[in-house]
Amino acid sequence: MKQLTDAEKQQFDAKIKEEQKRQQVLRETNPDLPESFEAASAKTLLPIPRRFAIKHLWKYGLLGIIFCLLAFNVFQFLRWGDFGSNRGINLNLLISLMLLFNHIAVFFTKTGWKSHVMKTVAYAWIVLVFVYLYISWGV
């Protein structure tokens, strides 16, 4: 990065002050200029909503669905009582945990060591689910 000399810094400060003065003059000469986004939306008579990101609905909505599925499967697992007898209930619980780990790994960790750890846990859980499926169901 280039280091600025004192003279260059003063020139930039002067340019910034000139631009601020120019913008102030524009604001004073145009009294109809709205001060905020909401005021501008109200003036146009067509309310412009703030941009809604579908990715957030997908990210958190699917997380909520996965948590509901996990809670239901834990409830079924505990209600059944005999934990080793029903392979379907056990597999449902493992699959819902697999979905949770994969969703967190893909949508909530993007970079860094947390991402590597979470993706490793997610992929290891996928392998464990398939091993359980192979062993318990004799596929």
C-alpha atoms as a PDB file:
ATOM      1  CA  MET A   1       0.000   0.000   0.000  1.00  0.00           C
ATOM      2  CA  LYS A   2       1.296   3.408  -0.946  1.00  0.00           C
ATOM      3  CA  GLN A   3       2.217   5.783   1.853  1.00  0.00           C
ATOM      4  CA  LEU A   4       0.889   9.281   1.322  1.00  0.00           C
ATOM      5  CA  THR A   5       2.975  12.344   1.905  1.00  0.00           C
ATOM      6  CA  ASP A   6       1.694  15.241   3.965  1.00  0.00           C
ATOM      7  CA  ALA A   7       1.052  17.283   0.838  1.00  0.00           C
ATOM      8  CA  GLU A   8      -1.031  14.490  -0.714  1.00  0.00           C
ATOM      9  CA  LYS A   9      -2.979  14.067   2.526  1.00  0.00           C
ATOM     10  CA  GLN A  10      -3.779  17.792   2.541  1.00  0.00           C
ATOM     11  CA  GLN A  11      -4.899  17.608  -1.092  1.00  0.00           C
ATOM     12  CA  PHE A  12      -7.230  14.705  -0.312  1.00  0.00           C
ATOM     13  CA  ASP A  13      -8.610  16.524   2.731  1.00  0.00           C
ATOM     14  CA  ALA A  14      -9.262  19.591   0.569  1.00  0.00           C
ATOM     15  CA  LYS A  15     -11.036  17.477  -2.069  1.00  0.00           C
ATOM     16  CA  ILE A  16     -13.163  15.791   0.598  1.00  0.00           C
ATOM     17  CA  LYS A  17     -14.159  19.154   2.074  1.00  0.00           C
ATOM     18  CA  GLU A  18     -15.038  20.509  -1.382  1.00  0.00           C
ATOM     19  CA  GLU A  19     -17.206  17.462  -2.075  1.00  0.00           C
ATOM     20  CA  GLN A  20     -18.940  17.802   1.292  1.00  0.00           C
ATOM     21  CA  LYS A  21     -19.664  21.483   0.566  1.00  0.00           C
ATOM     22  CA  ARG A  22     -21.002  20.601  -2.895  1.00  0.00           C
ATOM     23  CA  GLN A  23     -23.316  17.957  -1.439  1.00  0.00           C
ATOM     24  CA  GLN A  24     -24.505  20.361   1.254  1.00  0.00           C
ATOM     25  CA  VAL A  25     -25.335  22.973  -1.419  1.00  0.00           C
ATOM     26  CA  LEU A  26     -27.254  20.346  -3.377  1.00  0.00           C
ATOM     27  CA  ARG A  27     -29.233  19.412  -0.264  1.00  0.00           C
ATOM     28  CA  GLU A  28     -30.040  23.043   0.498  1.00  0.00           C
ATOM     29  CA  THR A  29     -31.085  23.902  -3.059  1.00  0.00           C
ATOM     30  CA  ASN A  30     -33.321  20.832  -3.351  1.00  0.00           C
ATOM     31  CA  PRO A  31     -35.691  20.916  -0.363  1.00  0.00           C
ATOM     32  CA  ASP A  32     -37.799  18.060  -1.749  1.00  0.00           C
ATOM     33  CA  LEU A  33     -34.986  15.574  -1.303  1.00  0.00           C
ATOM     34  CA  PRO A  34     -36.080  12.913   1.221  1.00  0.00           C
ATOM     35  CA  GLU A  35     -33.834  12.243   4.178  1.00  0.00           C
ATOM     36  CA  SER A  36     -34.332   8.476   4.455  1.00  0.00           C
ATOM     37  CA  PHE A  37     -35.274   5.418   2.451  1.00  0.00           C
ATOM     38  CA  GLU A  38     -38.698   5.197   4.115  1.00  0.00           C
ATOM     39  CA  ALA A  39     -39.426   8.839   3.358  1.00  0.00           C
ATOM     40  CA  ALA A  40     -38.492   8.304  -0.288  1.00  0.00           C
ATOM     41  CA  SER A  41     -40.755   5.231  -0.453  1.00  0.00           C
ATOM     42  CA  ALA A  42     -43.651   7.172   1.062  1.00  0.00           C
ATOM     43  CA  LYS A  43     -43.200   9.985  -1.471  1.00  0.00           C
ATOM     44  CA  THR A  44     -43.376   7.711  -4.508  1.00  0.00           C
ATOM     45  CA  LEU A  45     -46.724   6.256  -3.344  1.00  0.00           C
ATOM     46  CA  LEU A  46     -45.403   2.807  -4.220  1.00  0.00           C
ATOM     47  CA  PRO A  47     -43.923   1.293  -1.106  1.00  0.00           C
ATOM     48  CA  ILE A  48     -40.655  -0.350  -1.957  1.00  0.00           C
ATOM     49  CA  PRO A  49     -40.026  -3.129   0.532  1.00  0.00           C
ATOM     50  CA  ARG A  50     -36.543  -3.852   1.692  1.00  0.00           C
ATOM     51  CA  ARG A  51     -34.988  -6.746  -0.137  1.00  0.00           C
ATOM     52  CA  PHE A  52     -36.025 -10.064   1.390  1.00  0.00           C
ATOM     53  CA  ALA A  53     -33.398 -12.746   1.095  1.00  0.00           C
ATOM     54  CA  ILE A  54     -34.836 -16.137   0.253  1.00  0.00           C
ATOM     55  CA  LYS A  55     -31.547 -17.738   1.270  1.00  0.00           C
ATOM     56  CA  HIS A  56     -32.255 -16.842   4.911  1.00  0.00           C
ATOM     57  CA  LEU A  57     -35.694 -18.435   4.732  1.00  0.00           C
ATOM     58  CA  TRP A  58     -34.151 -21.565   3.215  1.00  0.00           C
ATOM     59  CA  LYS A  59     -31.286 -21.611   5.715  1.00  0.00           C
ATOM     60  CA  TYR A  60     -33.287 -21.096   8.909  1.00  0.00           C
ATOM     61  CA  GLY A  61     -36.578 -22.600   7.709  1.00  0.00           C
ATOM     62  CA  LEU A  62     -34.966 -25.883   6.792  1.00  0.00           C
ATOM     63  CA  LEU A  63     -33.067 -25.829  10.083  1.00  0.00           C
ATOM     64  CA  GLY A  64     -36.384 -25.480  11.912  1.00  0.00           C
ATOM     65  CA  ILE A  65     -37.881 -28.375   9.954  1.00  0.00           C
ATOM     66  CA  ILE A  66     -34.842 -30.536  10.721  1.00  0.00           C
ATOM     67  CA  PHE A  67     -35.111 -29.689  14.437  1.00  0.00           C
ATOM     68  CA  CYS A  68     -38.813 -30.627  14.407  1.00  0.00           C
ATOM     69  CA  LEU A  69     -37.961 -33.909  12.680  1.00  0.00           C
ATOM     70  CA  LEU A  70     -35.207 -34.561  15.209  1.00  0.00           C
ATOM     71  CA  ALA A  71     -37.495 -33.780  18.155  1.00  0.00           C
ATOM     72  CA  PHE A  72     -40.189 -36.094  16.780  1.00  0.00           C
ATOM     73  CA  ASN A  73     -37.657 -38.897  16.262  1.00  0.00           C
ATOM     74  CA  VAL A  74     -36.226 -38.484  19.774  1.00  0.00           C
ATOM     75  CA  PHE A  75     -39.787 -38.589  21.145  1.00  0.00           C
ATOM     76  CA  GLN A  76     -40.513 -41.770  19.181  1.00  0.00           C
ATOM     77  CA  PHE A  77     -37.204 -43.280  20.272  1.00  0.00           C
ATOM     78  CA  LEU A  78     -37.902 -42.613  23.962  1.00  0.00           C
ATOM     79  CA  ARG A  79     -41.565 -43.634  23.738  1.00  0.00           C
ATOM     80  CA  TRP A  80     -40.729 -46.970  22.185  1.00  0.00           C
ATOM     81  CA  GLY A  81     -38.880 -48.038  25.346  1.00  0.00           C
ATOM     82  CA  ASP A  82     -36.900 -50.974  24.023  1.00  0.00           C
ATOM     83  CA  PHE A  83     -34.057 -49.142  22.345  1.00  0.00           C
ATOM     84  CA  GLY A  84     -32.480 -52.007  20.435  1.00  0.00           C
ATOM     85  CA  SER A  85     -35.563 -53.707  19.056  1.00  0.00           C
ATOM     86  CA  ASN A  86     -36.901 -51.307  16.455  1.00  0.00           C
ATOM     87  CA  ARG A  87     -34.317 -50.678  13.767  1.00  0.00           C
ATOM     88  CA  GLY A  88     -36.563 -48.265  11.884  1.00  0.00           C
ATOM     89  CA  ILE A  89     -36.828 -45.874  14.831  1.00  0.00           C
ATOM     90  CA  ASN A  90     -33.059 -46.027  15.366  1.00  0.00           C
ATOM     91  CA  LEU A  91     -32.397 -45.376  11.685  1.00  0.00           C
ATOM     92  CA  ASN A  92     -34.817 -42.417  11.632  1.00  0.00           C
ATOM     93  CA  LEU A  93     -32.958 -40.850  14.540  1.00  0.00           C
ATOM     94  CA  LEU A  94     -29.595 -41.380  12.849  1.00  0.00           C
ATOM     95  CA  ILE A  95     -30.848 -39.959   9.551  1.00  0.00           C
ATOM     96  CA  SER A  96     -32.294 -36.845  11.209  1.00  0.00           C
ATOM     97  CA  LEU A  97     -28.947 -36.265  12.951  1.00  0.00           C
ATOM     98  CA  MET A  98     -27.229 -36.771   9.599  1.00  0.00           C
ATOM     99  CA  LEU A  99     -29.466 -34.107   8.035  1.00  0.00           C
ATOM    100  CA  LEU A 100     -28.732 -31.721  10.904  1.00  0.00           C
ATOM    101  CA  PHE A 101     -24.960 -32.149  10.691  1.00  0.00           C
ATOM    102  CA  ASN A 102     -24.935 -31.760   6.923  1.00  0.00           C
ATOM    103  CA  HIS A 103     -27.171 -28.671   7.018  1.00  0.00           C
ATOM    104  CA  ILE A 104     -24.958 -27.001   9.621  1.00  0.00           C
ATOM    105  CA  ALA A 105     -21.816 -27.956   7.689  1.00  0.00           C
ATOM    106  CA  VAL A 106     -23.088 -26.531   4.409  1.00  0.00           C
ATOM    107  CA  PHE A 107     -25.089 -23.460   5.445  1.00  0.00           C
ATOM    108  CA  PHE A 108     -23.572 -22.261   8.711  1.00  0.00           C
ATOM    109  CA  THR A 109     -19.835 -22.844   8.318  1.00  0.00           C
ATOM    110  CA  LYS A 110     -18.257 -21.408   5.197  1.00  0.00           C
ATOM    111  CA  THR A 111     -14.538 -21.000   5.874  1.00  0.00           C
ATOM    112  CA  GLY A 112     -11.898 -21.752   8.462  1.00  0.00           C
ATOM    113  CA  TRP A 113     -11.202 -24.598  10.790  1.00  0.00           C
ATOM    114  CA  LYS A 114     -14.827 -24.773  11.983  1.00  0.00           C
ATOM    115  CA  SER A 115     -15.895 -25.548   8.443  1.00  0.00           C
ATOM    116  CA  HIS A 116     -13.353 -28.333   8.100  1.00  0.00           C
ATOM    117  CA  VAL A 117     -14.319 -29.856  11.450  1.00  0.00           C
ATOM    118  CA  MET A 118     -18.050 -29.670  10.785  1.00  0.00           C
ATOM    119  CA  LYS A 119     -17.750 -31.122   7.286  1.00  0.00           C
ATOM    120  CA  THR A 120     -15.564 -33.926   8.625  1.00  0.00           C
ATOM    121  CA  VAL A 121     -18.170 -34.691  11.308  1.00  0.00           C
ATOM    122  CA  ALA A 122     -20.966 -34.587   8.717  1.00  0.00           C
ATOM    123  CA  TYR A 123     -19.201 -36.917   6.288  1.00  0.00           C
ATOM    124  CA  ALA A 124     -18.138 -39.283   9.077  1.00  0.00           C
ATOM    125  CA  TRP A 125     -21.756 -39.410  10.272  1.00  0.00           C
ATOM    126  CA  ILE A 126     -22.912 -40.279   6.744  1.00  0.00           C
ATOM    127  CA  VAL A 127     -20.450 -43.165   6.692  1.00  0.00           C
ATOM    128  CA  LEU A 128     -21.590 -44.334  10.137  1.00  0.00           C
ATOM    129  CA  VAL A 129     -25.256 -44.257   9.068  1.00  0.00           C
ATOM    130  CA  PHE A 130     -24.492 -46.371   6.020  1.00  0.00           C
ATOM    131  CA  VAL A 131     -22.426 -48.801   8.113  1.00  0.00           C
ATOM    132  CA  TYR A 132     -25.323 -49.082  10.593  1.00  0.00           C
ATOM    133  CA  LEU A 133     -27.741 -49.596   7.715  1.00  0.00           C
ATOM    134  CA  TYR A 134     -25.553 -52.342   6.239  1.00  0.00           C
ATOM    135  CA  ILE A 135     -24.969 -54.131   9.540  1.00  0.00           C
ATOM    136  CA  SER A 136     -28.429 -53.900  11.059  1.00  0.00           C
ATOM    137  CA  TRP A 137     -30.535 -54.434   7.967  1.00  0.00           C
ATOM    138  CA  GLY A 138     -28.231 -56.917   6.247  1.00  0.00           C
ATOM    139  CA  VAL A 139     -28.454 -55.152   2.907  1.00  0.00           C
END
